[in-house]
Amino acid sequence: MNLTKRQLVQLKRGREMKENPPTMFSYLKTGKWKYLYMLLLFGGVSIFAWFKNEYIILAFVIGYALGVFYRDFQWAVVFRRFWPISIEITNWDRVDELISENEKQAT
């Protein structure tokens, strides 16, 4: 089965998490570029709105940013709660097989 690069990365990440269950820090670490981008984007728009005295836009942008971070935090909490079940029902032999097949094709 041919996997995309992103699928292969996800399989490897899942295999790593099998031994080391995910933590909040691991979520921040894997999404650091996304959060940096959002921080710069929302920060820039917030500063612009602040200097233009557009406080409604400022409140909307800050609320939207907080909502994004809250959503990701809640997703991480749910993921951690159900991770032990995922470990039990995943066919890890098949995961290892897919990884080795696609690493051979990549070389």
PDB file of N, CA and C in Angstrom:
ATOM      1  N   MET A   1       0.851  -1.176   0.000  1.00  0.00           N
ATOM      2  CA  MET A   1       0.000   0.000   0.000  1.00  0.00           C
ATOM      3  C   MET A   1       0.894   1.234   0.000  1.00  0.00           C
ATOM      4  N   ASN A   2       0.674   2.112  -0.958  1.00  0.00           N
ATOM      5  CA  ASN A   2       1.457   3.338  -1.041  1.00  0.00           C
ATOM      6  C   ASN A   2       0.867   4.394  -0.117  1.00  0.00           C
ATOM      7  N   LEU A   3       1.715   4.929   0.729  1.00  0.00           N
ATOM      8  CA  LEU A   3       1.301   5.975   1.656  1.00  0.00           C
ATOM      9  C   LEU A   3       1.931   7.291   1.248  1.00  0.00           C
ATOM     10  N   THR A   4       1.243   8.370   1.563  1.00  0.00           N
ATOM     11  CA  THR A   4       1.842   9.680   1.349  1.00  0.00           C
ATOM     12  C   THR A   4       2.864   9.934   2.456  1.00  0.00           C
ATOM     13  N   LYS A   5       3.670  10.959   2.245  1.00  0.00           N
ATOM     14  CA  LYS A   5       4.680  11.303   3.250  1.00  0.00           C
ATOM     15  C   LYS A   5       4.014  11.648   4.583  1.00  0.00           C
ATOM     16  N   ARG A   6       2.922  12.363   4.512  1.00  0.00           N
ATOM     17  CA  ARG A   6       2.208  12.759   5.736  1.00  0.00           C
ATOM     18  C   ARG A   6       1.642  11.545   6.478  1.00  0.00           C
ATOM     19  N   GLN A   7       1.099  10.580   5.727  1.00  0.00           N
ATOM     20  CA  GLN A   7       0.572   9.369   6.355  1.00  0.00           C
ATOM     21  C   GLN A   7       1.686   8.578   7.031  1.00  0.00           C
ATOM     22  N   LEU A   8       2.842   8.516   6.371  1.00  0.00           N
ATOM     23  CA  LEU A   8       3.983   7.804   6.944  1.00  0.00           C
ATOM     24  C   LEU A   8       4.443   8.477   8.235  1.00  0.00           C
ATOM     25  N   VAL A   9       4.477   9.800   8.242  1.00  0.00           N
ATOM     26  CA  VAL A   9       4.861  10.537   9.451  1.00  0.00           C
ATOM     27  C   VAL A   9       3.869  10.255  10.575  1.00  0.00           C
ATOM     28  N   GLN A  10       2.576  10.231  10.255  1.00  0.00           N
ATOM     29  CA  GLN A  10       1.562   9.955  11.277  1.00  0.00           C
ATOM     30  C   GLN A  10       1.704   8.547  11.845  1.00  0.00           C
ATOM     31  N   LEU A  11       1.990   7.568  10.983  1.00  0.00           N
ATOM     32  CA  LEU A  11       2.189   6.204  11.475  1.00  0.00           C
ATOM     33  C   LEU A  11       3.396   6.126  12.402  1.00  0.00           C
ATOM     34  N   LYS A  12       4.482   6.790  12.014  1.00  0.00           N
ATOM     35  CA  LYS A  12       5.684   6.783  12.860  1.00  0.00           C
ATOM     36  C   LYS A  12       5.414   7.472  14.191  1.00  0.00           C
ATOM     37  N   ARG A  13       4.682   8.561  14.139  1.00  0.00           N
ATOM     38  CA  ARG A  13       4.352   9.282  15.368  1.00  0.00           C
ATOM     39  C   ARG A  13       3.474   8.424  16.279  1.00  0.00           C
ATOM     40  N   GLY A  14       2.537   7.706  15.691  1.00  0.00           N
ATOM     41  CA  GLY A  14       1.694   6.808  16.477  1.00  0.00           C
ATOM     42  C   GLY A  14       2.494   5.691  17.117  1.00  0.00           C
ATOM     43  N   ARG A  15       3.458   5.162  16.376  1.00  0.00           N
ATOM     44  CA  ARG A  15       4.297   4.097  16.926  1.00  0.00           C
ATOM     45  C   ARG A  15       5.148   4.626  18.077  1.00  0.00           C
ATOM     46  N   GLU A  16       5.655   5.848  17.942  1.00  0.00           N
ATOM     47  CA  GLU A  16       6.423   6.462  19.035  1.00  0.00           C
ATOM     48  C   GLU A  16       5.547   6.667  20.268  1.00  0.00           C
ATOM     49  N   MET A  17       4.300   7.071  20.047  1.00  0.00           N
ATOM     50  CA  MET A  17       3.409   7.329  21.177  1.00  0.00           C
ATOM     51  C   MET A  17       2.957   6.049  21.861  1.00  0.00           C
ATOM     52  N   LYS A  18       3.137   4.913  21.192  1.00  0.00           N
ATOM     53  CA  LYS A  18       2.755   3.646  21.822  1.00  0.00           C
ATOM     54  C   LYS A  18       3.569   3.438  23.091  1.00  0.00           C
ATOM     55  N   GLU A  19       4.870   3.718  23.032  1.00  0.00           N
ATOM     56  CA  GLU A  19       5.731   3.556  24.201  1.00  0.00           C
ATOM     57  C   GLU A  19       5.662   4.763  25.134  1.00  0.00           C
ATOM     58  N   ASN A  20       5.543   5.956  24.557  1.00  0.00           N
ATOM     59  CA  ASN A  20       5.498   7.198  25.338  1.00  0.00           C
ATOM     60  C   ASN A  20       4.162   7.886  25.077  1.00  0.00           C
ATOM     61  N   PRO A  21       3.177   7.697  25.942  1.00  0.00           N
ATOM     62  CA  PRO A  21       1.863   8.310  25.705  1.00  0.00           C
ATOM     63  C   PRO A  21       1.972   9.826  25.540  1.00  0.00           C
ATOM     64  N   PRO A  22       1.066  10.402  24.751  1.00  0.00           N
ATOM     65  CA  PRO A  22       1.131  11.834  24.480  1.00  0.00           C
ATOM     66  C   PRO A  22       0.902  12.678  25.733  1.00  0.00           C
ATOM     67  N   THR A  23       1.550  13.819  25.775  1.00  0.00           N
ATOM     68  CA  THR A  23       1.373  14.794  26.850  1.00  0.00           C
ATOM     69  C   THR A  23       0.994  16.132  26.220  1.00  0.00           C
ATOM     70  N   MET A  24       0.629  17.088  27.040  1.00  0.00           N
ATOM     71  CA  MET A  24       0.316  18.413  26.510  1.00  0.00           C
ATOM     72  C   MET A  24       1.542  19.025  25.844  1.00  0.00           C
ATOM     73  N   PHE A  25       2.715  18.792  26.427  1.00  0.00           N
ATOM     74  CA  PHE A  25       3.939  19.331  25.838  1.00  0.00           C
ATOM     75  C   PHE A  25       4.197  18.719  24.465  1.00  0.00           C
ATOM     76  N   SER A  26       3.912  17.425  24.299  1.00  0.00           N
ATOM     77  CA  SER A  26       4.153  16.796  22.995  1.00  0.00           C
ATOM     78  C   SER A  26       3.230  17.382  21.926  1.00  0.00           C
ATOM     79  N   TYR A  27       1.999  17.754  22.300  1.00  0.00           N
ATOM     80  CA  TYR A  27       1.110  18.397  21.336  1.00  0.00           C
ATOM     81  C   TYR A  27       1.641  19.766  20.942  1.00  0.00           C
ATOM     82  N   LEU A  28       2.119  20.517  21.916  1.00  0.00           N
ATOM     83  CA  LEU A  28       2.682  21.827  21.602  1.00  0.00           C
ATOM     84  C   LEU A  28       3.922  21.688  20.729  1.00  0.00           C
ATOM     85  N   LYS A  29       4.718  20.667  21.014  1.00  0.00           N
ATOM     86  CA  LYS A  29       5.945  20.449  20.251  1.00  0.00           C
ATOM     87  C   LYS A  29       5.644  20.101  18.794  1.00  0.00           C
ATOM     88  N   THR A  30       4.670  19.232  18.567  1.00  0.00           N
ATOM     89  CA  THR A  30       4.366  18.846  17.191  1.00  0.00           C
ATOM     90  C   THR A  30       3.653  19.958  16.426  1.00  0.00           C
ATOM     91  N   GLY A  31       2.935  20.832  17.115  1.00  0.00           N
ATOM     92  CA  GLY A  31       2.218  21.907  16.443  1.00  0.00           C
ATOM     93  C   GLY A  31       2.856  23.265  16.600  1.00  0.00           C
ATOM     94  N   LYS A  32       4.151  23.295  16.935  1.00  0.00           N
ATOM     95  CA  LYS A  32       4.793  24.576  17.260  1.00  0.00           C
ATOM     96  C   LYS A  32       4.751  25.571  16.109  1.00  0.00           C
ATOM     97  N   TRP A  33       4.903  25.123  14.868  1.00  0.00           N
ATOM     98  CA  TRP A  33       4.903  26.060  13.744  1.00  0.00           C
ATOM     99  C   TRP A  33       3.502  26.597  13.498  1.00  0.00           C
ATOM    100  N   LYS A  34       2.501  25.755  13.688  1.00  0.00           N
ATOM    101  CA  LYS A  34       1.118  26.210  13.528  1.00  0.00           C
ATOM    102  C   LYS A  34       0.799  27.280  14.570  1.00  0.00           C
ATOM    103  N   TYR A  35       1.208  27.031  15.813  1.00  0.00           N
ATOM    104  CA  TYR A  35       0.921  27.992  16.872  1.00  0.00           C
ATOM    105  C   TYR A  35       1.730  29.275  16.707  1.00  0.00           C
ATOM    106  N   LEU A  36       2.956  29.174  16.228  1.00  0.00           N
ATOM    107  CA  LEU A  36       3.755  30.369  15.982  1.00  0.00           C
ATOM    108  C   LEU A  36       3.122  31.208  14.873  1.00  0.00           C
ATOM    109  N   TYR A  37       2.681  30.544  13.814  1.00  0.00           N
ATOM    110  CA  TYR A  37       2.014  31.245  12.718  1.00  0.00           C
ATOM    111  C   TYR A  37       0.753  31.953  13.214  1.00  0.00           C
ATOM    112  N   MET A  38      -0.070  31.238  13.999  1.00  0.00           N
ATOM    113  CA  MET A  38      -1.297  31.844  14.522  1.00  0.00           C
ATOM    114  C   MET A  38      -0.981  33.002  15.457  1.00  0.00           C
ATOM    115  N   LEU A  39       0.054  32.847  16.276  1.00  0.00           N
ATOM    116  CA  LEU A  39       0.430  33.917  17.190  1.00  0.00           C
ATOM    117  C   LEU A  39       0.835  35.172  16.417  1.00  0.00           C
ATOM    118  N   LEU A  40       1.643  34.988  15.378  1.00  0.00           N
ATOM    119  CA  LEU A  40       2.061  36.138  14.574  1.00  0.00           C
ATOM    120  C   LEU A  40       0.878  36.762  13.835  1.00  0.00           C
ATOM    121  N   LEU A  41       0.032  35.934  13.256  1.00  0.00           N
ATOM    122  CA  LEU A  41      -1.114  36.444  12.511  1.00  0.00           C
ATOM    123  C   LEU A  41      -2.094  37.172  13.429  1.00  0.00           C
ATOM    124  N   PHE A  42      -2.528  36.504  14.490  1.00  0.00           N
ATOM    125  CA  PHE A  42      -3.488  37.118  15.399  1.00  0.00           C
ATOM    126  C   PHE A  42      -2.870  38.290  16.152  1.00  0.00           C
ATOM    127  N   GLY A  43      -1.591  38.177  16.487  1.00  0.00           N
ATOM    128  CA  GLY A  43      -0.906  39.284  17.155  1.00  0.00           C
ATOM    129  C   GLY A  43      -0.831  40.512  16.272  1.00  0.00           C
ATOM    130  N   GLY A  44      -0.495  40.297  15.003  1.00  0.00           N
ATOM    131  CA  GLY A  44      -0.415  41.415  14.062  1.00  0.00           C
ATOM    132  C   GLY A  44      -1.755  42.099  13.862  1.00  0.00           C
ATOM    133  N   VAL A  45      -2.795  41.314  13.683  1.00  0.00           N
ATOM    134  CA  VAL A  45      -4.133  41.889  13.505  1.00  0.00           C
ATOM    135  C   VAL A  45      -4.584  42.592  14.780  1.00  0.00           C
ATOM    136  N   SER A  46      -4.270  42.024  15.931  1.00  0.00           N
ATOM    137  CA  SER A  46      -4.649  42.646  17.207  1.00  0.00           C
ATOM    138  C   SER A  46      -3.950  43.982  17.402  1.00  0.00           C
ATOM    139  N   ILE A  47      -2.664  44.030  17.101  1.00  0.00           N
ATOM    140  CA  ILE A  47      -1.917  45.291  17.235  1.00  0.00           C
ATOM    141  C   ILE A  47      -2.479  46.338  16.283  1.00  0.00           C
ATOM    142  N   PHE A  48      -2.759  45.922  15.040  1.00  0.00           N
ATOM    143  CA  PHE A  48      -3.338  46.845  14.068  1.00  0.00           C
ATOM    144  C   PHE A  48      -4.679  47.384  14.571  1.00  0.00           C
ATOM    145  N   ALA A  49      -5.535  46.488  15.069  1.00  0.00           N
ATOM    146  CA  ALA A  49      -6.848  46.910  15.567  1.00  0.00           C
ATOM    147  C   ALA A  49      -6.708  47.816  16.787  1.00  0.00           C
ATOM    148  N   TRP A  50      -5.731  47.544  17.637  1.00  0.00           N
ATOM    149  CA  TRP A  50      -5.517  48.364  18.828  1.00  0.00           C
ATOM    150  C   TRP A  50      -5.151  49.801  18.435  1.00  0.00           C
ATOM    151  N   PHE A  51      -4.216  49.935  17.491  1.00  0.00           N
ATOM    152  CA  PHE A  51      -3.784  51.273  17.093  1.00  0.00           C
ATOM    153  C   PHE A  51      -4.846  52.017  16.293  1.00  0.00           C
ATOM    154  N   LYS A  52      -5.739  51.294  15.646  1.00  0.00           N
ATOM    155  CA  LYS A  52      -6.824  51.933  14.899  1.00  0.00           C
ATOM    156  C   LYS A  52      -8.069  52.138  15.767  1.00  0.00           C
ATOM    157  N   ASN A  53      -7.962  51.808  17.057  1.00  0.00           N
ATOM    158  CA  ASN A  53      -9.078  51.932  18.000  1.00  0.00           C
ATOM    159  C   ASN A  53     -10.308  51.135  17.559  1.00  0.00           C
ATOM    160  N   GLU A  54     -10.068  49.999  16.955  1.00  0.00           N
ATOM    161  CA  GLU A  54     -11.136  49.081  16.543  1.00  0.00           C
ATOM    162  C   GLU A  54     -11.230  47.966  17.582  1.00  0.00           C
ATOM    163  N   TYR A  55     -11.818  48.300  18.712  1.00  0.00           N
ATOM    164  CA  TYR A  55     -11.825  47.367  19.831  1.00  0.00           C
ATOM    165  C   TYR A  55     -12.748  46.165  19.605  1.00  0.00           C
ATOM    166  N   ILE A  56     -13.754  46.328  18.775  1.00  0.00           N
ATOM    167  CA  ILE A  56     -14.630  45.188  18.471  1.00  0.00           C
ATOM    168  C   ILE A  56     -13.848  44.154  17.672  1.00  0.00           C
ATOM    169  N   ILE A  57     -13.091  44.605  16.691  1.00  0.00           N
ATOM    170  CA  ILE A  57     -12.256  43.681  15.908  1.00  0.00           C
ATOM    171  C   ILE A  57     -11.211  43.047  16.812  1.00  0.00           C
ATOM    172  N   LEU A  58     -10.618  43.837  17.681  1.00  0.00           N
ATOM    173  CA  LEU A  58      -9.621  43.322  18.617  1.00  0.00           C
ATOM    174  C   LEU A  58     -10.225  42.225  19.499  1.00  0.00           C
ATOM    175  N   ALA A  59     -11.407  42.475  20.031  1.00  0.00           N
ATOM    176  CA  ALA A  59     -12.063  41.476  20.883  1.00  0.00           C
ATOM    177  C   ALA A  59     -12.391  40.217  20.088  1.00  0.00           C
ATOM    178  N   PHE A  60     -12.837  40.379  18.846  1.00  0.00           N
ATOM    179  CA  PHE A  60     -13.147  39.226  18.009  1.00  0.00           C
ATOM    180  C   PHE A  60     -11.897  38.388  17.743  1.00  0.00           C
ATOM    181  N   VAL A  61     -10.797  39.031  17.392  1.00  0.00           N
ATOM    182  CA  VAL A  61      -9.556  38.309  17.075  1.00  0.00           C
ATOM    183  C   VAL A  61      -9.025  37.594  18.312  1.00  0.00           C
ATOM    184  N   ILE A  62      -9.020  38.270  19.445  1.00  0.00           N
ATOM    185  CA  ILE A  62      -8.535  37.636  20.680  1.00  0.00           C
ATOM    186  C   ILE A  62      -9.449  36.469  21.067  1.00  0.00           C
ATOM    187  N   GLY A  63     -10.755  36.662  20.958  1.00  0.00           N
ATOM    188  CA  GLY A  63     -11.689  35.579  21.256  1.00  0.00           C
ATOM    189  C   GLY A  63     -11.522  34.398  20.315  1.00  0.00           C
ATOM    190  N   TYR A  64     -11.299  34.677  19.046  1.00  0.00           N
ATOM    191  CA  TYR A  64     -11.093  33.613  18.066  1.00  0.00           C
ATOM    192  C   TYR A  64      -9.818  32.837  18.389  1.00  0.00           C
ATOM    193  N   ALA A  65      -8.739  33.556  18.706  1.00  0.00           N
ATOM    194  CA  ALA A  65      -7.467  32.896  19.037  1.00  0.00           C
ATOM    195  C   ALA A  65      -7.614  32.039  20.290  1.00  0.00           C
ATOM    196  N   LEU A  66      -8.265  32.573  21.306  1.00  0.00           N
ATOM    197  CA  LEU A  66      -8.481  31.785  22.524  1.00  0.00           C
ATOM    198  C   LEU A  66      -9.345  30.557  22.242  1.00  0.00           C
ATOM    199  N   GLY A  67     -10.321  30.704  21.370  1.00  0.00           N
ATOM    200  CA  GLY A  67     -11.160  29.569  20.996  1.00  0.00           C
ATOM    201  C   GLY A  67     -10.380  28.477  20.281  1.00  0.00           C
ATOM    202  N   VAL A  68      -9.457  28.879  19.420  1.00  0.00           N
ATOM    203  CA  VAL A  68      -8.618  27.898  18.712  1.00  0.00           C
ATOM    204  C   VAL A  68      -7.752  27.135  19.701  1.00  0.00           C
ATOM    205  N   PHE A  69      -7.121  27.849  20.611  1.00  0.00           N
ATOM    206  CA  PHE A  69      -6.269  27.178  21.598  1.00  0.00           C
ATOM    207  C   PHE A  69      -7.097  26.295  22.537  1.00  0.00           C
ATOM    208  N   TYR A  70      -8.280  26.748  22.914  1.00  0.00           N
ATOM    209  CA  TYR A  70      -9.147  25.947  23.777  1.00  0.00           C
ATOM    210  C   TYR A  70      -9.596  24.669  23.066  1.00  0.00           C
ATOM    211  N   ARG A  71      -9.949  24.796  21.788  1.00  0.00           N
ATOM    212  CA  ARG A  71     -10.343  23.618  21.008  1.00  0.00           C
ATOM    213  C   ARG A  71      -9.217  22.594  20.954  1.00  0.00           C
ATOM    214  N   ASP A  72      -7.999  23.056  20.684  1.00  0.00           N
ATOM    215  CA  ASP A  72      -6.857  22.143  20.621  1.00  0.00           C
ATOM    216  C   ASP A  72      -6.569  21.519  21.979  1.00  0.00           C
ATOM    217  N   PHE A  73      -6.712  22.296  23.036  1.00  0.00           N
ATOM    218  CA  PHE A  73      -6.494  21.772  24.379  1.00  0.00           C
ATOM    219  C   PHE A  73      -7.511  20.676  24.691  1.00  0.00           C
ATOM    220  N   GLN A  74      -8.778  20.922  24.385  1.00  0.00           N
ATOM    221  CA  GLN A  74      -9.814  19.924  24.647  1.00  0.00           C
ATOM    222  C   GLN A  74      -9.603  18.668  23.804  1.00  0.00           C
ATOM    223  N   TRP A  75      -9.179  18.842  22.557  1.00  0.00           N
ATOM    224  CA  TRP A  75      -8.911  17.690  21.705  1.00  0.00           C
ATOM    225  C   TRP A  75      -7.786  16.854  22.309  1.00  0.00           C
ATOM    226  N   ALA A  76      -6.749  17.511  22.814  1.00  0.00           N
ATOM    227  CA  ALA A  76      -5.632  16.794  23.428  1.00  0.00           C
ATOM    228  C   ALA A  76      -6.083  16.040  24.674  1.00  0.00           C
ATOM    229  N   VAL A  77      -6.963  16.635  25.459  1.00  0.00           N
ATOM    230  CA  VAL A  77      -7.471  15.965  26.661  1.00  0.00           C
ATOM    231  C   VAL A  77      -8.248  14.706  26.276  1.00  0.00           C
ATOM    232  N   VAL A  78      -9.110  14.810  25.284  1.00  0.00           N
ATOM    233  CA  VAL A  78      -9.895  13.652  24.845  1.00  0.00           C
ATOM    234  C   VAL A  78      -8.983  12.588  24.241  1.00  0.00           C
ATOM    235  N   PHE A  79      -8.021  13.012  23.444  1.00  0.00           N
ATOM    236  CA  PHE A  79      -7.090  12.065  22.819  1.00  0.00           C
ATOM    237  C   PHE A  79      -6.324  11.286  23.876  1.00  0.00           C
ATOM    238  N   ARG A  80      -5.855  11.977  24.903  1.00  0.00           N
ATOM    239  CA  ARG A  80      -5.127  11.293  25.989  1.00  0.00           C
ATOM    240  C   ARG A  80      -6.026  10.322  26.734  1.00  0.00           C
ATOM    241  N   ARG A  81      -7.275  10.689  26.907  1.00  0.00           N
ATOM    242  CA  ARG A  81      -8.206   9.830  27.632  1.00  0.00           C
ATOM    243  C   ARG A  81      -8.460   8.527  26.873  1.00  0.00           C
ATOM    244  N   PHE A  82      -8.539   8.590  25.552  1.00  0.00           N
ATOM    245  CA  PHE A  82      -8.846   7.406  24.758  1.00  0.00           C
ATOM    246  C   PHE A  82      -7.615   6.727  24.170  1.00  0.00           C
ATOM    247  N   TRP A  83      -6.426   7.237  24.440  1.00  0.00           N
ATOM    248  CA  TRP A  83      -5.212   6.651  23.893  1.00  0.00           C
ATOM    249  C   TRP A  83      -5.009   5.201  24.336  1.00  0.00           C
ATOM    250  N   PRO A  84      -5.242   4.833  25.588  1.00  0.00           N
ATOM    251  CA  PRO A  84      -5.076   3.422  25.968  1.00  0.00           C
ATOM    252  C   PRO A  84      -5.966   2.470  25.155  1.00  0.00           C
ATOM    253  N   ILE A  85      -7.160   2.913  24.808  1.00  0.00           N
ATOM    254  CA  ILE A  85      -8.042   2.088  23.983  1.00  0.00           C
ATOM    255  C   ILE A  85      -7.456   1.952  22.581  1.00  0.00           C
ATOM    256  N   SER A  86      -6.931   3.044  22.045  1.00  0.00           N
ATOM    257  CA  SER A  86      -6.330   3.004  20.712  1.00  0.00           C
ATOM    258  C   SER A  86      -5.151   2.051  20.661  1.00  0.00           C
ATOM    259  N   ILE A  87      -4.367   2.010  21.724  1.00  0.00           N
ATOM    260  CA  ILE A  87      -3.225   1.093  21.769  1.00  0.00           C
ATOM    261  C   ILE A  87      -3.709  -0.349  21.678  1.00  0.00           C
ATOM    262  N   GLU A  88      -4.794  -0.654  22.371  1.00  0.00           N
ATOM    263  CA  GLU A  88      -5.297  -2.028  22.399  1.00  0.00           C
ATOM    264  C   GLU A  88      -5.915  -2.466  21.076  1.00  0.00           C
ATOM    265  N   ILE A  89      -6.604  -1.576  20.381  1.00  0.00           N
ATOM    266  CA  ILE A  89      -7.328  -2.002  19.179  1.00  0.00           C
ATOM    267  C   ILE A  89      -6.528  -1.834  17.896  1.00  0.00           C
ATOM    268  N   THR A  90      -5.384  -1.165  17.949  1.00  0.00           N
ATOM    269  CA  THR A  90      -4.565  -0.973  16.752  1.00  0.00           C
ATOM    270  C   THR A  90      -3.749  -2.223  16.472  1.00  0.00           C
ATOM    271  N   ASN A  91      -3.690  -2.600  15.208  1.00  0.00           N
ATOM    272  CA  ASN A  91      -2.870  -3.729  14.780  1.00  0.00           C
ATOM    273  C   ASN A  91      -1.451  -3.198  14.545  1.00  0.00           C
ATOM    274  N   TRP A  92      -0.623  -3.251  15.577  1.00  0.00           N
ATOM    275  CA  TRP A  92       0.709  -2.652  15.515  1.00  0.00           C
ATOM    276  C   TRP A  92       1.637  -3.399  14.567  1.00  0.00           C
ATOM    277  N   ASP A  93       1.389  -4.686  14.356  1.00  0.00           N
ATOM    278  CA  ASP A  93       2.188  -5.425  13.374  1.00  0.00           C
ATOM    279  C   ASP A  93       1.953  -4.875  11.973  1.00  0.00           C
ATOM    280  N   ARG A  94       0.700  -4.557  11.675  1.00  0.00           N
ATOM    281  CA  ARG A  94       0.376  -3.975  10.363  1.00  0.00           C
ATOM    282  C   ARG A  94       0.971  -2.576  10.233  1.00  0.00           C
ATOM    283  N   VAL A  95       0.965  -1.810  11.300  1.00  0.00           N
ATOM    284  CA  VAL A  95       1.568  -0.475  11.280  1.00  0.00           C
ATOM    285  C   VAL A  95       3.054  -0.586  10.961  1.00  0.00           C
ATOM    286  N   ASP A  96       3.753  -1.488  11.646  1.00  0.00           N
ATOM    287  CA  ASP A  96       5.183  -1.679  11.385  1.00  0.00           C
ATOM    288  C   ASP A  96       5.427  -2.149   9.958  1.00  0.00           C
ATOM    289  N   GLU A  97       4.554  -3.011   9.461  1.00  0.00           N
ATOM    290  CA  GLU A  97       4.679  -3.513   8.092  1.00  0.00           C
ATOM    291  C   GLU A  97       4.524  -2.375   7.083  1.00  0.00           C
ATOM    292  N   LEU A  98       3.518  -1.527   7.282  1.00  0.00           N
ATOM    293  CA  LEU A  98       3.301  -0.395   6.378  1.00  0.00           C
ATOM    294  C   LEU A  98       4.478   0.574   6.403  1.00  0.00           C
ATOM    295  N   ILE A  99       5.010   0.817   7.580  1.00  0.00           N
ATOM    296  CA  ILE A  99       6.154   1.726   7.689  1.00  0.00           C
ATOM    297  C   ILE A  99       7.352   1.154   6.947  1.00  0.00           C
ATOM    298  N   SER A 100       7.655  -0.116   7.164  1.00  0.00           N
ATOM    299  CA  SER A 100       8.830  -0.706   6.513  1.00  0.00           C
ATOM    300  C   SER A 100       8.646  -0.775   4.995  1.00  0.00           C
ATOM    301  N   GLU A 101       7.438  -1.098   4.510  1.00  0.00           N
ATOM    302  CA  GLU A 101       7.180  -1.126   3.067  1.00  0.00           C
ATOM    303  C   GLU A 101       7.427   0.235   2.434  1.00  0.00           C
ATOM    304  N   ASN A 102       6.911   1.269   3.056  1.00  0.00           N
ATOM    305  CA  ASN A 102       7.003   2.599   2.465  1.00  0.00           C
ATOM    306  C   ASN A 102       8.368   3.227   2.643  1.00  0.00           C
ATOM    307  N   GLU A 103       9.107   2.843   3.668  1.00  0.00           N
ATOM    308  CA  GLU A 103      10.476   3.338   3.795  1.00  0.00           C
ATOM    309  C   GLU A 103      11.360   2.711   2.729  1.00  0.00           C
ATOM    310  N   LYS A 104      11.108   1.453   2.376  1.00  0.00           N
ATOM    311  CA  LYS A 104      11.867   0.798   1.307  1.00  0.00           C
ATOM    312  C   LYS A 104      11.584   1.459  -0.032  1.00  0.00           C
ATOM    313  N   GLN A 105      10.326   1.835  -0.278  1.00  0.00           N
ATOM    314  CA  GLN A 105       9.963   2.484  -1.535  1.00  0.00           C
ATOM    315  C   GLN A 105      10.557   3.877  -1.635  1.00  0.00           C
ATOM    316  N   ALA A 106      10.713   4.544  -0.505  1.00  0.00           N
ATOM    317  CA  ALA A 106      11.251   5.908  -0.506  1.00  0.00           C
ATOM    318  C   ALA A 106      12.733   5.927  -0.841  1.00  0.00           C
ATOM    319  N   THR A 107      13.445   4.835  -0.529  1.00  0.00           N
ATOM    320  CA  THR A 107      14.893   4.807  -0.802  1.00  0.00           C
ATOM    321  C   THR A 107      15.207   4.309  -2.172  1.00  0.00           C
TER     322      THR A 107
END
